[in-house]
Every structure is written in C-alpha cells, then in structure tokens.
C-alpha cells in the first residue's frame, strides 16, 4: 500500500516525513499546545480547522497530531476531503513522547 493511501503513520515514519518537507499540524487545544508541542509544528485547534484552512497551502503535505490520535484522524480526513495529502500520527503526542 502506498503512503498516500494510509490514514495513519508511526512516529518514526512521521519524523521521516517531516524531514522530507511535510508540515506537522497540531490540532489540540491552546492549553494542550501551551503545555507541550513539537518544535516547528503549526497549531490550528480542530474546532477552528474549517475556518483556518487559508493558513495551509494546497501544496502542503500534512501530518496531523493531537493527544491520542482521534482528533488528528478527523483533521486528516477533513484535509484529504478538501484536497490535501494528509496522514495522522498513530498514538498522537502520547506515542511521540514515548519515542
């Protein structure tokens, strides 16, 4: 299966994608973002994503992340439906921190 058909990727694969120029999009709340986030990530809370799509270029390839992976999976699905190539980090920030 090609990467573009996958909806989620491991933390290791997500890190590889970031080195290849993909954008990390953190969709957690402002409070979660303030307490901890990945350097270089773009922060757009899930509840504002529809109103904030202009912050993303259509050429962007996006890796979404949240706390556990549920909200980011919704964000990735929303982005794919609107024309972006998007995947989510399996296990979210919990998995990211463990690595």
Protein backbone atom coordinates (compact mmCIF):
# COMPACT_ATOMS: atom_id res chain seq x y z
CA UNK A 1 0.00 0.00 0.00
CA UNK A 2 1.41 3.39 -0.88
CA UNK A 3 1.85 6.04 1.78
CA UNK A 4 -0.86 8.16 0.21
CA UNK A 5 -3.50 5.50 0.87
CA UNK A 6 -2.62 5.21 4.54
CA UNK A 7 -4.51 7.28 7.02
CA UNK A 8 -2.06 6.96 9.91
CA UNK A 9 1.69 6.55 10.26
CA UNK A 10 4.04 5.60 13.09
CA UNK A 11 6.00 8.24 14.97
CA UNK A 12 9.17 7.11 13.19
CA UNK A 13 7.54 7.46 9.76
CA UNK A 14 6.06 10.85 10.73
CA UNK A 15 9.52 12.09 11.65
CA UNK A 16 10.83 10.89 8.29
CA UNK A 17 8.03 12.75 6.50
CA UNK A 18 8.88 15.94 8.38
CA UNK A 19 12.48 15.70 7.18
CA UNK A 20 11.06 15.34 3.66
CA UNK A 21 9.24 18.66 3.98
CA UNK A 22 5.83 17.63 5.27
CA UNK A 23 4.12 20.09 7.67
CA UNK A 24 3.22 18.94 11.20
CA UNK A 25 -0.21 20.26 12.18
CA UNK A 26 -1.10 20.09 15.87
CA UNK A 27 -4.90 20.19 16.31
CA UNK A 28 -5.00 20.13 20.12
CA UNK A 29 -6.46 22.88 22.27
CA UNK A 30 -4.50 26.03 23.10
CA UNK A 31 -3.99 24.75 26.64
CA UNK A 32 -2.53 21.47 25.39
CA UNK A 33 -0.32 23.30 22.88
CA UNK A 34 0.99 25.67 25.55
CA UNK A 35 1.94 22.82 27.88
CA UNK A 36 3.94 20.94 25.23
CA UNK A 37 4.33 20.79 21.47
CA UNK A 38 6.74 19.70 18.77
CA UNK A 39 9.07 22.48 17.65
CA UNK A 40 8.16 23.66 14.17
CA UNK A 41 4.58 22.41 14.30
CA UNK A 42 1.73 24.62 13.14
CA UNK A 43 -1.08 24.96 15.68
CA UNK A 44 -4.68 25.03 14.48
CA UNK A 45 -7.16 23.58 17.01
CA UNK A 46 -9.53 21.07 15.46
CA UNK A 47 -12.59 23.19 16.27
CA UNK A 48 -11.18 26.05 14.16
CA UNK A 49 -9.75 24.00 11.29
CA UNK A 50 -12.57 24.69 8.82
CA UNK A 51 -12.18 28.44 9.38
CA UNK A 52 -8.38 28.33 9.20
CA UNK A 53 -7.69 26.39 6.02
CA UNK A 54 -6.26 29.52 4.37
CA UNK A 55 -3.23 29.12 6.66
CA UNK A 56 -2.33 25.99 4.67
CA UNK A 57 -1.08 25.89 1.11
CA UNK A 58 -2.70 23.34 -1.20
CA UNK A 59 0.78 22.08 -1.99
CA UNK A 60 1.40 21.26 1.68
CA UNK A 61 1.61 17.62 2.66
CA UNK A 62 0.41 17.40 6.22
CA UNK A 63 0.97 15.16 9.21
CA UNK A 64 -1.67 15.83 11.88
CA UNK A 65 -1.19 15.20 15.60
CA UNK A 66 -3.26 15.51 18.77
CA UNK A 67 -3.10 13.90 22.20
CA UNK A 68 -4.04 10.31 21.32
CA UNK A 69 -4.72 10.35 17.57
CA UNK A 70 -8.52 10.63 17.46
CA UNK A 71 -8.87 14.37 16.77
CA UNK A 72 -5.93 14.35 14.39
CA UNK A 73 -7.52 11.48 12.44
CA UNK A 74 -10.61 13.66 12.00
CA UNK A 75 -8.43 16.58 10.92
CA UNK A 76 -6.53 14.44 8.39
CA UNK A 77 -9.80 13.14 6.96
CA UNK A 78 -11.15 16.69 6.68
CA UNK A 79 -7.98 17.82 4.90
CA UNK A 80 -7.98 14.87 2.50
CA UNK A 81 -11.60 15.60 1.58
CA UNK A 82 -10.56 19.15 0.75
CA UNK A 83 -7.67 18.13 -1.46
CA UNK A 84 -4.64 17.87 0.83
CA UNK A 85 -2.40 14.87 1.22
CA UNK A 86 -2.70 14.26 4.95
CA UNK A 87 -1.98 11.49 7.44
CA UNK A 88 -2.10 11.33 11.23
CA UNK A 89 0.43 10.20 13.81
CA UNK A 90 -0.76 6.89 15.24
CA UNK A 91 -0.96 7.31 19.02
CA UNK A 92 -0.60 11.11 18.90
CA UNK A 93 1.57 13.04 21.32
CA UNK A 94 1.44 10.15 23.79
CA UNK A 95 3.31 7.99 21.26
CA UNK A 96 5.55 10.91 20.19
CA UNK A 97 6.68 11.46 23.79
CA UNK A 98 7.40 7.74 24.30
CA UNK A 99 9.76 7.79 21.30
